[in-house]
Amino acid sequence: MMKKGWVAGIATTMAVSCVAPAAQDPPSPARQHEIVRLLQQDCGSCHGLTLKGGLGPALLPQALAGKSPEFLRDTILNGRPGTPMAPWRPFLNDVEAAWLVDRLLQGKTDAP
């Protein structure tokens, strides 16, 4: 009997420790402004200055519908091999990319 309880306890501990880490604080307000400028100027050069598409697809909420935030974050950070979509990991970290994805999904493309 005791062994079953011990095994269940270990399984519970392992399951809890495998959960994704707690969300980190969003980028500072100054960094948020830099990221929005990057979106408008750099992303806009391919996705259109109004983000309605160009060389790259539109980045409006309706165009992003059905794509998971994780997929979008991964695309931003790692690019899309075989396409003009370059990796932006040198310029954004995971938290910043997740913040940007959240803004794009909400249709908020201006400075907060």
PDB file of N, CA and C in Angstrom:
ATOM      1  N   MET A   1       0.818  -1.197   0.000  1.00  0.00           N
ATOM      2  CA  MET A   1       0.000   0.000   0.000  1.00  0.00           C
ATOM      3  C   MET A   1       0.859   1.257   0.000  1.00  0.00           C
ATOM      4  N   MET A   2       1.846   1.286   0.857  1.00  0.00           N
ATOM      5  CA  MET A   2       2.676   2.476   0.946  1.00  0.00           C
ATOM      6  C   MET A   2       3.407   2.741  -0.360  1.00  0.00           C
ATOM      7  N   LYS A   3       3.795   1.674  -1.050  1.00  0.00           N
ATOM      8  CA  LYS A   3       4.516   1.842  -2.304  1.00  0.00           C
ATOM      9  C   LYS A   3       3.651   2.564  -3.338  1.00  0.00           C
ATOM     10  N   LYS A   4       2.356   2.214  -3.421  1.00  0.00           N
ATOM     11  CA  LYS A   4       1.473   2.877  -4.380  1.00  0.00           C
ATOM     12  C   LYS A   4       1.395   4.369  -4.083  1.00  0.00           C
ATOM     13  N   GLY A   5       1.280   4.730  -2.814  1.00  0.00           N
ATOM     14  CA  GLY A   5       1.212   6.146  -2.445  1.00  0.00           C
ATOM     15  C   GLY A   5       2.499   6.873  -2.797  1.00  0.00           C
ATOM     16  N   TRP A   6       3.619   6.202  -2.576  1.00  0.00           N
ATOM     17  CA  TRP A   6       4.912   6.798  -2.902  1.00  0.00           C
ATOM     18  C   TRP A   6       5.038   7.025  -4.399  1.00  0.00           C
ATOM     19  N   VAL A   7       4.650   6.015  -5.205  1.00  0.00           N
ATOM     20  CA  VAL A   7       4.718   6.133  -6.656  1.00  0.00           C
ATOM     21  C   VAL A   7       3.790   7.243  -7.136  1.00  0.00           C
ATOM     22  N   ALA A   8       2.595   7.317  -6.579  1.00  0.00           N
ATOM     23  CA  ALA A   8       1.656   8.374  -6.968  1.00  0.00           C
ATOM     24  C   ALA A   8       2.237   9.739  -6.624  1.00  0.00           C
ATOM     25  N   GLY A   9       2.901   9.830  -5.464  1.00  0.00           N
ATOM     26  CA  GLY A   9       3.508  11.097  -5.072  1.00  0.00           C
ATOM     27  C   GLY A   9       4.617  11.515  -6.017  1.00  0.00           C
ATOM     28  N   ILE A  10       5.445  10.566  -6.417  1.00  0.00           N
ATOM     29  CA  ILE A  10       6.522  10.852  -7.374  1.00  0.00           C
ATOM     30  C   ILE A  10       5.922  11.283  -8.713  1.00  0.00           C
ATOM     31  N   ALA A  11       4.886  10.579  -9.165  1.00  0.00           N
ATOM     32  CA  ALA A  11       4.252  10.921 -10.443  1.00  0.00           C
ATOM     33  C   ALA A  11       3.667  12.323 -10.395  1.00  0.00           C
ATOM     34  N   THR A  12       3.044  12.672  -9.287  1.00  0.00           N
ATOM     35  CA  THR A  12       2.474  14.011  -9.146  1.00  0.00           C
ATOM     36  C   THR A  12       3.572  15.065  -9.159  1.00  0.00           C
ATOM     37  N   THR A  13       4.645  14.811  -8.431  1.00  0.00           N
ATOM     38  CA  THR A  13       5.766  15.752  -8.392  1.00  0.00           C
ATOM     39  C   THR A  13       6.362  15.942  -9.781  1.00  0.00           C
ATOM     40  N   MET A  14       6.520  14.852 -10.527  1.00  0.00           N
ATOM     41  CA  MET A  14       7.084  14.943 -11.865  1.00  0.00           C
ATOM     42  C   MET A  14       6.146  15.717 -12.786  1.00  0.00           C
ATOM     43  N   ALA A  15       4.853  15.476 -12.686  1.00  0.00           N
ATOM     44  CA  ALA A  15       3.895  16.176 -13.545  1.00  0.00           C
ATOM     45  C   ALA A  15       3.922  17.672 -13.264  1.00  0.00           C
ATOM     46  N   VAL A  16       3.981  18.047 -12.000  1.00  0.00           N
ATOM     47  CA  VAL A  16       4.007  19.462 -11.637  1.00  0.00           C
ATOM     48  C   VAL A  16       5.300  20.108 -12.121  1.00  0.00           C
ATOM     49  N   SER A  17       6.422  19.410 -12.025  1.00  0.00           N
ATOM     50  CA  SER A  17       7.692  19.994 -12.433  1.00  0.00           C
ATOM     51  C   SER A  17       7.829  20.090 -13.944  1.00  0.00           C
ATOM     52  N   CYS A  18       7.007  19.359 -14.705  1.00  0.00           N
ATOM     53  CA  CYS A  18       7.069  19.406 -16.160  1.00  0.00           C
ATOM     54  C   CYS A  18       6.179  20.490 -16.743  1.00  0.00           C
ATOM     55  N   VAL A  19       5.386  21.146 -15.910  1.00  0.00           N
ATOM     56  CA  VAL A  19       4.525  22.218 -16.389  1.00  0.00           C
ATOM     57  C   VAL A  19       5.400  23.380 -16.823  1.00  0.00           C
ATOM     58  N   ALA A  20       4.964  24.098 -17.847  1.00  0.00           N
ATOM     59  CA  ALA A  20       5.737  25.239 -18.354  1.00  0.00           C
ATOM     60  C   ALA A  20       5.997  26.236 -17.241  1.00  0.00           C
ATOM     61  N   PRO A  21       7.131  26.895 -17.278  1.00  0.00           N
ATOM     62  CA  PRO A  21       7.447  27.877 -16.243  1.00  0.00           C
ATOM     63  C   PRO A  21       6.441  29.019 -16.257  1.00  0.00           C
ATOM     64  N   ALA A  22       6.312  29.678 -15.136  1.00  0.00           N
ATOM     65  CA  ALA A  22       5.385  30.802 -15.018  1.00  0.00           C
ATOM     66  C   ALA A  22       5.742  31.874 -16.042  1.00  0.00           C
ATOM     67  N   ALA A  23       4.712  32.551 -16.499  1.00  0.00           N
ATOM     68  CA  ALA A  23       4.933  33.620 -17.481  1.00  0.00           C
ATOM     69  C   ALA A  23       5.839  34.690 -16.887  1.00  0.00           C
ATOM     70  N   GLN A  24       6.706  35.198 -17.719  1.00  0.00           N
ATOM     71  CA  GLN A  24       7.617  36.242 -17.279  1.00  0.00           C
ATOM     72  C   GLN A  24       6.956  37.594 -17.466  1.00  0.00           C
ATOM     73  N   ASP A  25       7.516  38.587 -16.819  1.00  0.00           N
ATOM     74  CA  ASP A  25       7.005  39.941 -16.962  1.00  0.00           C
ATOM     75  C   ASP A  25       7.123  40.377 -18.419  1.00  0.00           C
ATOM     76  N   PRO A  26       6.167  41.196 -18.870  1.00  0.00           N
ATOM     77  CA  PRO A  26       6.258  41.693 -20.244  1.00  0.00           C
ATOM     78  C   PRO A  26       7.465  42.613 -20.395  1.00  0.00           C
ATOM     79  N   PRO A  27       7.845  42.897 -21.616  1.00  0.00           N
ATOM     80  CA  PRO A  27       8.960  43.830 -21.831  1.00  0.00           C
ATOM     81  C   PRO A  27       8.654  45.188 -21.199  1.00  0.00           C
ATOM     82  N   SER A  28       9.691  45.915 -20.863  1.00  0.00           N
ATOM     83  CA  SER A  28       9.512  47.253 -20.289  1.00  0.00           C
ATOM     84  C   SER A  28       8.790  48.144 -21.297  1.00  0.00           C
ATOM     85  N   PRO A  29       8.151  49.213 -20.825  1.00  0.00           N
ATOM     86  CA  PRO A  29       7.476  50.119 -21.766  1.00  0.00           C
ATOM     87  C   PRO A  29       8.406  50.638 -22.871  1.00  0.00           C
ATOM     88  N   ALA A  30       9.641  50.955 -22.519  1.00  0.00           N
ATOM     89  CA  ALA A  30      10.585  51.436 -23.535  1.00  0.00           C
ATOM     90  C   ALA A  30      10.856  50.344 -24.570  1.00  0.00           C
ATOM     91  N   ARG A  31      11.035  49.115 -24.111  1.00  0.00           N
ATOM     92  CA  ARG A  31      11.290  48.006 -25.039  1.00  0.00           C
ATOM     93  C   ARG A  31      10.046  47.725 -25.875  1.00  0.00           C
ATOM     94  N   GLN A  32       8.863  47.869 -25.299  1.00  0.00           N
ATOM     95  CA  GLN A  32       7.629  47.680 -26.060  1.00  0.00           C
ATOM     96  C   GLN A  32       7.583  48.645 -27.237  1.00  0.00           C
ATOM     97  N   HIS A  33       7.973  49.889 -27.012  1.00  0.00           N
ATOM     98  CA  HIS A  33       8.005  50.874 -28.096  1.00  0.00           C
ATOM     99  C   HIS A  33       9.006  50.452 -29.182  1.00  0.00           C
ATOM    100  N   GLU A  34      10.155  49.921 -28.775  1.00  0.00           N
ATOM    101  CA  GLU A  34      11.146  49.451 -29.745  1.00  0.00           C
ATOM    102  C   GLU A  34      10.600  48.288 -30.568  1.00  0.00           C
ATOM    103  N   ILE A  35       9.896  47.377 -29.911  1.00  0.00           N
ATOM    104  CA  ILE A  35       9.341  46.213 -30.614  1.00  0.00           C
ATOM    105  C   ILE A  35       8.266  46.651 -31.598  1.00  0.00           C
ATOM    106  N   VAL A  36       7.427  47.599 -31.197  1.00  0.00           N
ATOM    107  CA  VAL A  36       6.393  48.102 -32.103  1.00  0.00           C
ATOM    108  C   VAL A  36       7.043  48.788 -33.301  1.00  0.00           C
ATOM    109  N   ARG A  37       8.100  49.526 -33.073  1.00  0.00           N
ATOM    110  CA  ARG A  37       8.817  50.168 -34.190  1.00  0.00           C
ATOM    111  C   ARG A  37       9.407  49.101 -35.110  1.00  0.00           C
ATOM    112  N   LEU A  38       9.970  48.052 -34.549  1.00  0.00           N
ATOM    113  CA  LEU A  38      10.491  46.941 -35.343  1.00  0.00           C
ATOM    114  C   LEU A  38       9.365  46.338 -36.189  1.00  0.00           C
ATOM    115  N   LEU A  39       8.204  46.145 -35.584  1.00  0.00           N
ATOM    116  CA  LEU A  39       7.055  45.600 -36.302  1.00  0.00           C
ATOM    117  C   LEU A  39       6.668  46.511 -37.460  1.00  0.00           C
ATOM    118  N   GLN A  40       6.521  47.780 -37.170  1.00  0.00           N
ATOM    119  CA  GLN A  40       6.067  48.723 -38.190  1.00  0.00           C
ATOM    120  C   GLN A  40       7.081  48.899 -39.312  1.00  0.00           C
ATOM    121  N   GLN A  41       8.355  49.012 -38.974  1.00  0.00           N
ATOM    122  CA  GLN A  41       9.373  49.302 -39.979  1.00  0.00           C
ATOM    123  C   GLN A  41       9.956  48.039 -40.620  1.00  0.00           C
ATOM    124  N   ASP A  42      10.440  47.137 -39.812  1.00  0.00           N
ATOM    125  CA  ASP A  42      11.132  45.967 -40.349  1.00  0.00           C
ATOM    126  C   ASP A  42      10.168  44.891 -40.838  1.00  0.00           C
ATOM    127  N   CYS A  43       9.209  44.515 -40.006  1.00  0.00           N
ATOM    128  CA  CYS A  43       8.229  43.514 -40.442  1.00  0.00           C
ATOM    129  C   CYS A  43       7.383  44.095 -41.567  1.00  0.00           C
ATOM    130  N   GLY A  44       7.044  45.392 -41.417  1.00  0.00           N
ATOM    131  CA  GLY A  44       6.221  46.059 -42.417  1.00  0.00           C
ATOM    132  C   GLY A  44       6.861  46.115 -43.790  1.00  0.00           C
ATOM    133  N   SER A  45       8.185  46.026 -43.857  1.00  0.00           N
ATOM    134  CA  SER A  45       8.837  46.085 -45.168  1.00  0.00           C
ATOM    135  C   SER A  45       8.469  44.875 -46.026  1.00  0.00           C
ATOM    136  N   CYS A  46       8.140  43.749 -45.414  1.00  0.00           N
ATOM    137  CA  CYS A  46       7.704  42.569 -46.178  1.00  0.00           C
ATOM    138  C   CYS A  46       6.202  42.308 -46.045  1.00  0.00           C
ATOM    139  N   HIS A  47       5.665  42.561 -44.877  1.00  0.00           N
ATOM    140  CA  HIS A  47       4.256  42.257 -44.610  1.00  0.00           C
ATOM    141  C   HIS A  47       3.345  43.445 -44.906  1.00  0.00           C
ATOM    142  N   GLY A  48       3.906  44.506 -45.441  1.00  0.00           N
ATOM    143  CA  GLY A  48       3.143  45.705 -45.763  1.00  0.00           C
ATOM    144  C   GLY A  48       3.139  46.662 -44.582  1.00  0.00           C
ATOM    145  N   LEU A  49       3.257  47.940 -44.854  1.00  0.00           N
ATOM    146  CA  LEU A  49       3.329  48.921 -43.771  1.00  0.00           C
ATOM    147  C   LEU A  49       2.061  48.954 -42.932  1.00  0.00           C
ATOM    148  N   THR A  50       0.943  48.495 -43.508  1.00  0.00           N
ATOM    149  CA  THR A  50      -0.297  48.392 -42.731  1.00  0.00           C
ATOM    150  C   THR A  50      -0.546  46.946 -42.309  1.00  0.00           C
ATOM    151  N   LEU A  51       0.442  46.082 -42.552  1.00  0.00           N
ATOM    152  CA  LEU A  51       0.426  44.662 -42.195  1.00  0.00           C
ATOM    153  C   LEU A  51      -0.672  43.878 -42.899  1.00  0.00           C
ATOM    154  N   LYS A  52      -1.123  44.418 -44.051  1.00  0.00           N
ATOM    155  CA  LYS A  52      -2.161  43.741 -44.833  1.00  0.00           C
ATOM    156  C   LYS A  52      -1.566  42.782 -45.851  1.00  0.00           C
ATOM    157  N   GLY A  53      -0.261  42.602 -45.810  1.00  0.00           N
ATOM    158  CA  GLY A  53       0.396  41.671 -46.712  1.00  0.00           C
ATOM    159  C   GLY A  53       1.214  42.381 -47.770  1.00  0.00           C
ATOM    160  N   GLY A  54       2.114  41.662 -48.330  1.00  0.00           N
ATOM    161  CA  GLY A  54       3.016  42.152 -49.364  1.00  0.00           C
ATOM    162  C   GLY A  54       3.801  40.950 -49.829  1.00  0.00           C
ATOM    163  N   LEU A  55       5.118  41.013 -49.711  1.00  0.00           N
ATOM    164  CA  LEU A  55       5.943  39.834 -49.979  1.00  0.00           C
ATOM    165  C   LEU A  55       5.549  38.718 -49.005  1.00  0.00           C
ATOM    166  N   GLY A  56       5.310  39.105 -47.735  1.00  0.00           N
ATOM    167  CA  GLY A  56       4.854  38.164 -46.719  1.00  0.00           C
ATOM    168  C   GLY A  56       3.351  38.287 -46.522  1.00  0.00           C
ATOM    169  N   PRO A  57       2.741  37.306 -45.858  1.00  0.00           N
ATOM    170  CA  PRO A  57       1.297  37.347 -45.652  1.00  0.00           C
ATOM    171  C   PRO A  57       0.879  38.452 -44.688  1.00  0.00           C
ATOM    172  N   ALA A  58      -0.405  38.740 -44.676  1.00  0.00           N
ATOM    173  CA  ALA A  58      -0.965  39.725 -43.753  1.00  0.00           C
ATOM    174  C   ALA A  58      -0.738  39.277 -42.313  1.00  0.00           C
ATOM    175  N   LEU A  59      -0.576  40.248 -41.427  1.00  0.00           N
ATOM    176  CA  LEU A  59      -0.395  39.963 -39.996  1.00  0.00           C
ATOM    177  C   LEU A  59      -1.567  40.508 -39.181  1.00  0.00           C
ATOM    178  N   LEU A  60      -2.724  40.564 -39.789  1.00  0.00           N
ATOM    179  CA  LEU A  60      -3.928  41.024 -39.105  1.00  0.00           C
ATOM    180  C   LEU A  60      -4.587  39.848 -38.392  1.00  0.00           C
ATOM    181  N   PRO A  61      -5.369  40.116 -37.342  1.00  0.00           N
ATOM    182  CA  PRO A  61      -5.966  39.020 -36.563  1.00  0.00           C
ATOM    183  C   PRO A  61      -6.711  37.995 -37.415  1.00  0.00           C
ATOM    184  N   GLN A  62      -7.490  38.446 -38.398  1.00  0.00           N
ATOM    185  CA  GLN A  62      -8.249  37.495 -39.218  1.00  0.00           C
ATOM    186  C   GLN A  62      -7.323  36.618 -40.053  1.00  0.00           C
ATOM    187  N   ALA A  63      -6.182  37.134 -40.468  1.00  0.00           N
ATOM    188  CA  ALA A  63      -5.224  36.342 -41.240  1.00  0.00           C
ATOM    189  C   ALA A  63      -4.468  35.356 -40.347  1.00  0.00           C
ATOM    190  N   LEU A  64      -4.347  35.682 -39.071  1.00  0.00           N
ATOM    191  CA  LEU A  64      -3.613  34.831 -38.132  1.00  0.00           C
ATOM    192  C   LEU A  64      -4.521  33.827 -37.428  1.00  0.00           C
ATOM    193  N   ALA A  65      -5.825  33.965 -37.615  1.00  0.00           N
ATOM    194  CA  ALA A  65      -6.787  33.063 -36.968  1.00  0.00           C
ATOM    195  C   ALA A  65      -6.465  31.618 -37.337  1.00  0.00           C
ATOM    196  N   GLY A  66      -6.536  30.758 -36.357  1.00  0.00           N
ATOM    197  CA  GLY A  66      -6.262  29.343 -36.575  1.00  0.00           C
ATOM    198  C   GLY A  66      -4.802  28.960 -36.402  1.00  0.00           C
ATOM    199  N   LYS A  67      -3.942  29.952 -36.237  1.00  0.00           N
ATOM    200  CA  LYS A  67      -2.522  29.670 -35.988  1.00  0.00           C
ATOM    201  C   LYS A  67      -2.274  29.848 -34.495  1.00  0.00           C
ATOM    202  N   SER A  68      -1.620  28.895 -33.903  1.00  0.00           N
ATOM    203  CA  SER A  68      -1.393  28.963 -32.459  1.00  0.00           C
ATOM    204  C   SER A  68      -0.359  30.046 -32.130  1.00  0.00           C
ATOM    205  N   PRO A  69      -0.470  30.635 -30.950  1.00  0.00           N
ATOM    206  CA  PRO A  69       0.554  31.597 -30.531  1.00  0.00           C
ATOM    207  C   PRO A  69       1.958  30.991 -30.545  1.00  0.00           C
ATOM    208  N   GLU A  70       2.061  29.713 -30.199  1.00  0.00           N
ATOM    209  CA  GLU A  70       3.364  29.050 -30.186  1.00  0.00           C
ATOM    210  C   GLU A  70       3.945  28.969 -31.600  1.00  0.00           C
ATOM    211  N   PHE A  71       3.100  28.639 -32.581  1.00  0.00           N
ATOM    212  CA  PHE A  71       3.552  28.571 -33.973  1.00  0.00           C
ATOM    213  C   PHE A  71       4.017  29.945 -34.443  1.00  0.00           C
ATOM    214  N   LEU A  72       3.238  30.969 -34.121  1.00  0.00           N
ATOM    215  CA  LEU A  72       3.595  32.325 -34.544  1.00  0.00           C
ATOM    216  C   LEU A  72       4.888  32.786 -33.884  1.00  0.00           C
ATOM    217  N   ARG A  73       5.033  32.519 -32.577  1.00  0.00           N
ATOM    218  CA  ARG A  73       6.258  32.886 -31.866  1.00  0.00           C
ATOM    219  C   ARG A  73       7.457  32.169 -32.476  1.00  0.00           C
ATOM    220  N   ASP A  74       7.295  30.891 -32.762  1.00  0.00           N
ATOM    221  CA  ASP A  74       8.381  30.112 -33.354  1.00  0.00           C
ATOM    222  C   ASP A  74       8.746  30.652 -34.734  1.00  0.00           C
ATOM    223  N   THR A  75       7.748  31.043 -35.504  1.00  0.00           N
ATOM    224  CA  THR A  75       7.996  31.609 -36.828  1.00  0.00           C
ATOM    225  C   THR A  75       8.789  32.905 -36.724  1.00  0.00           C
ATOM    226  N   ILE A  76       8.409  33.754 -35.784  1.00  0.00           N
ATOM    227  CA  ILE A  76       9.127  35.020 -35.599  1.00  0.00           C
ATOM    228  C   ILE A  76      10.578  34.754 -35.197  1.00  0.00           C
ATOM    229  N   LEU A  77      10.752  33.899 -34.223  1.00  0.00           N
ATOM    230  CA  LEU A  77      12.092  33.680 -33.682  1.00  0.00           C
ATOM    231  C   LEU A  77      13.004  32.888 -34.610  1.00  0.00           C
ATOM    232  N   ASN A  78      12.460  31.905 -35.306  1.00  0.00           N
ATOM    233  CA  ASN A  78      13.291  30.988 -36.086  1.00  0.00           C
ATOM    234  C   ASN A  78      13.139  31.126 -37.590  1.00  0.00           C
ATOM    235  N   GLY A  79      12.237  31.992 -38.040  1.00  0.00           N
ATOM    236  CA  GLY A  79      12.025  32.170 -39.464  1.00  0.00           C
ATOM    237  C   GLY A  79      11.314  30.977 -40.073  1.00  0.00           C
ATOM    238  N   ARG A  80      11.214  30.992 -41.402  1.00  0.00           N
ATOM    239  CA  ARG A  80      10.584  29.903 -42.146  1.00  0.00           C
ATOM    240  C   ARG A  80      11.547  29.488 -43.243  1.00  0.00           C
ATOM    241  N   PRO A  81      12.258  28.382 -43.045  1.00  0.00           N
ATOM    242  CA  PRO A  81      13.214  27.931 -44.067  1.00  0.00           C
ATOM    243  C   PRO A  81      12.537  27.807 -45.437  1.00  0.00           C
ATOM    244  N   GLY A  82      13.276  28.194 -46.464  1.00  0.00           N
ATOM    245  CA  GLY A  82      12.760  28.115 -47.824  1.00  0.00           C
ATOM    246  C   GLY A  82      11.864  29.280 -48.209  1.00  0.00           C
ATOM    247  N   THR A  83      11.726  30.250 -47.300  1.00  0.00           N
ATOM    248  CA  THR A  83      10.926  31.441 -47.581  1.00  0.00           C
ATOM    249  C   THR A  83      11.774  32.668 -47.236  1.00  0.00           C
ATOM    250  N   PRO A  84      11.319  33.853 -47.599  1.00  0.00           N
ATOM    251  CA  PRO A  84      12.055  35.063 -47.217  1.00  0.00           C
ATOM    252  C   PRO A  84      11.961  35.395 -45.720  1.00  0.00           C
ATOM    253  N   MET A  85      11.135  34.655 -44.959  1.00  0.00           N
ATOM    254  CA  MET A  85      10.969  34.951 -43.529  1.00  0.00           C
ATOM    255  C   MET A  85      12.235  34.568 -42.770  1.00  0.00           C
ATOM    256  N   ALA A  86      12.979  35.595 -42.386  1.00  0.00           N
ATOM    257  CA  ALA A  86      14.237  35.398 -41.657  1.00  0.00           C
ATOM    258  C   ALA A  86      13.975  35.217 -40.165  1.00  0.00           C
ATOM    259  N   PRO A  87      14.888  34.589 -39.459  1.00  0.00           N
ATOM    260  CA  PRO A  87      14.748  34.481 -38.002  1.00  0.00           C
ATOM    261  C   PRO A  87      15.026  35.823 -37.331  1.00  0.00           C
ATOM    262  N   TRP A  88      14.199  36.170 -36.372  1.00  0.00           N
ATOM    263  CA  TRP A  88      14.364  37.428 -35.649  1.00  0.00           C
ATOM    264  C   TRP A  88      14.913  37.202 -34.248  1.00  0.00           C
ATOM    265  N   ARG A  89      15.353  35.967 -33.962  1.00  0.00           N
ATOM    266  CA  ARG A  89      15.911  35.658 -32.642  1.00  0.00           C
ATOM    267  C   ARG A  89      17.082  36.569 -32.264  1.00  0.00           C
ATOM    268  N   PRO A  90      17.892  37.018 -33.213  1.00  0.00           N
ATOM    269  CA  PRO A  90      18.974  37.934 -32.810  1.00  0.00           C
ATOM    270  C   PRO A  90      18.461  39.262 -32.241  1.00  0.00           C
ATOM    271  N   PHE A  91      17.209  39.580 -32.518  1.00  0.00           N
ATOM    272  CA  PHE A  91      16.675  40.883 -32.120  1.00  0.00           C
ATOM    273  C   PHE A  91      15.587  40.809 -31.055  1.00  0.00           C
ATOM    274  N   LEU A  92      14.990  39.631 -30.885  1.00  0.00           N
ATOM    275  CA  LEU A  92      13.900  39.435 -29.925  1.00  0.00           C
ATOM    276  C   LEU A  92      14.141  38.170 -29.113  1.00  0.00           C
ATOM    277  N   ASN A  93      13.786  38.218 -27.838  1.00  0.00           N
ATOM    278  CA  ASN A  93      13.848  36.992 -27.043  1.00  0.00           C
ATOM    279  C   ASN A  93      12.458  36.354 -27.005  1.00  0.00           C
ATOM    280  N   ASP A  94      12.331  35.221 -26.337  1.00  0.00           N
ATOM    281  CA  ASP A  94      11.064  34.489 -26.296  1.00  0.00           C
ATOM    282  C   ASP A  94       9.931  35.326 -25.725  1.00  0.00           C
ATOM    283  N   VAL A  95      10.195  36.030 -24.635  1.00  0.00           N
ATOM    284  CA  VAL A  95       9.157  36.836 -23.978  1.00  0.00           C
ATOM    285  C   VAL A  95       8.714  37.967 -24.896  1.00  0.00           C
ATOM    286  N   GLU A  96       9.653  38.614 -25.548  1.00  0.00           N
ATOM    287  CA  GLU A  96       9.321  39.713 -26.449  1.00  0.00           C
ATOM    288  C   GLU A  96       8.523  39.217 -27.655  1.00  0.00           C
ATOM    289  N   ALA A  97       8.902  38.069 -28.202  1.00  0.00           N
ATOM    290  CA  ALA A  97       8.166  37.506 -29.330  1.00  0.00           C
ATOM    291  C   ALA A  97       6.751  37.117 -28.906  1.00  0.00           C
ATOM    292  N   ALA A  98       6.602  36.544 -27.718  1.00  0.00           N
ATOM    293  CA  ALA A  98       5.265  36.187 -27.217  1.00  0.00           C
ATOM    294  C   ALA A  98       4.424  37.437 -27.013  1.00  0.00           C
ATOM    295  N   TRP A  99       5.031  38.501 -26.501  1.00  0.00           N
ATOM    296  CA  TRP A  99       4.319  39.771 -26.324  1.00  0.00           C
ATOM    297  C   TRP A  99       3.856  40.306 -27.675  1.00  0.00           C
ATOM    298  N   LEU A 100       4.727  40.244 -28.677  1.00  0.00           N
ATOM    299  CA  LEU A 100       4.392  40.723 -30.013  1.00  0.00           C
ATOM    300  C   LEU A 100       3.258  39.897 -30.617  1.00  0.00           C
ATOM    301  N   VAL A 101       3.314  38.595 -30.480  1.00  0.00           N
ATOM    302  CA  VAL A 101       2.247  37.723 -30.993  1.00  0.00           C
ATOM    303  C   VAL A 101       0.918  38.087 -30.337  1.00  0.00           C
ATOM    304  N   ASP A 102       0.933  38.293 -29.044  1.00  0.00           N
ATOM    305  CA  ASP A 102      -0.294  38.662 -28.340  1.00  0.00           C
ATOM    306  C   ASP A 102      -0.861  39.959 -28.920  1.00  0.00           C
ATOM    307  N   ARG A 103       0.001  40.935 -29.160  1.00  0.00           N
ATOM    308  CA  ARG A 103      -0.438  42.212 -29.734  1.00  0.00           C
ATOM    309  C   ARG A 103      -1.022  42.004 -31.137  1.00  0.00           C
ATOM    310  N   LEU A 104      -0.345  41.206 -31.957  1.00  0.00           N
ATOM    311  CA  LEU A 104      -0.832  40.964 -33.310  1.00  0.00           C
ATOM    312  C   LEU A 104      -2.192  40.271 -33.295  1.00  0.00           C
ATOM    313  N   LEU A 105      -2.360  39.283 -32.431  1.00  0.00           N
ATOM    314  CA  LEU A 105      -3.634  38.566 -32.362  1.00  0.00           C
ATOM    315  C   LEU A 105      -4.773  39.470 -31.891  1.00  0.00           C
ATOM    316  N   GLN A 106      -4.429  40.506 -31.127  1.00  0.00           N
ATOM    317  CA  GLN A 106      -5.433  41.467 -30.670  1.00  0.00           C
ATOM    318  C   GLN A 106      -5.634  42.619 -31.653  1.00  0.00           C
ATOM    319  N   GLY A 107      -4.819  42.666 -32.693  1.00  0.00           N
ATOM    320  CA  GLY A 107      -4.912  43.756 -33.667  1.00  0.00           C
ATOM    321  C   GLY A 107      -4.325  45.053 -33.161  1.00  0.00           C
ATOM    322  N   LYS A 108      -3.484  44.982 -32.140  1.00  0.00           N
ATOM    323  CA  LYS A 108      -2.847  46.163 -31.570  1.00  0.00           C
ATOM    324  C   LYS A 108      -1.444  46.292 -32.145  1.00  0.00           C
ATOM    325  N   THR A 109      -1.303  47.109 -33.155  1.00  0.00           N
ATOM    326  CA  THR A 109      -0.008  47.232 -33.829  1.00  0.00           C
ATOM    327  C   THR A 109       0.636  48.581 -33.632  1.00  0.00           C
ATOM    328  N   ASP A 110       0.093  49.368 -32.709  1.00  0.00           N
ATOM    329  CA  ASP A 110       0.714  50.657 -32.408  1.00  0.00           C
ATOM    330  C   ASP A 110       1.328  50.593 -31.010  1.00  0.00           C
ATOM    331  N   ALA A 111       2.003  51.621 -30.640  1.00  0.00           N
ATOM    332  CA  ALA A 111       2.671  51.643 -29.329  1.00  0.00           C
ATOM    333  C   ALA A 111       1.635  51.617 -28.219  1.00  0.00           C
ATOM    334  N   PRO A 112       1.910  50.863 -27.164  1.00  0.00           N
ATOM    335  CA  PRO A 112       0.964  50.768 -26.043  1.00  0.00           C
ATOM    336  C   PRO A 112       0.882  52.071 -25.264  1.00  0.00           C
TER     337      PRO A 112
END
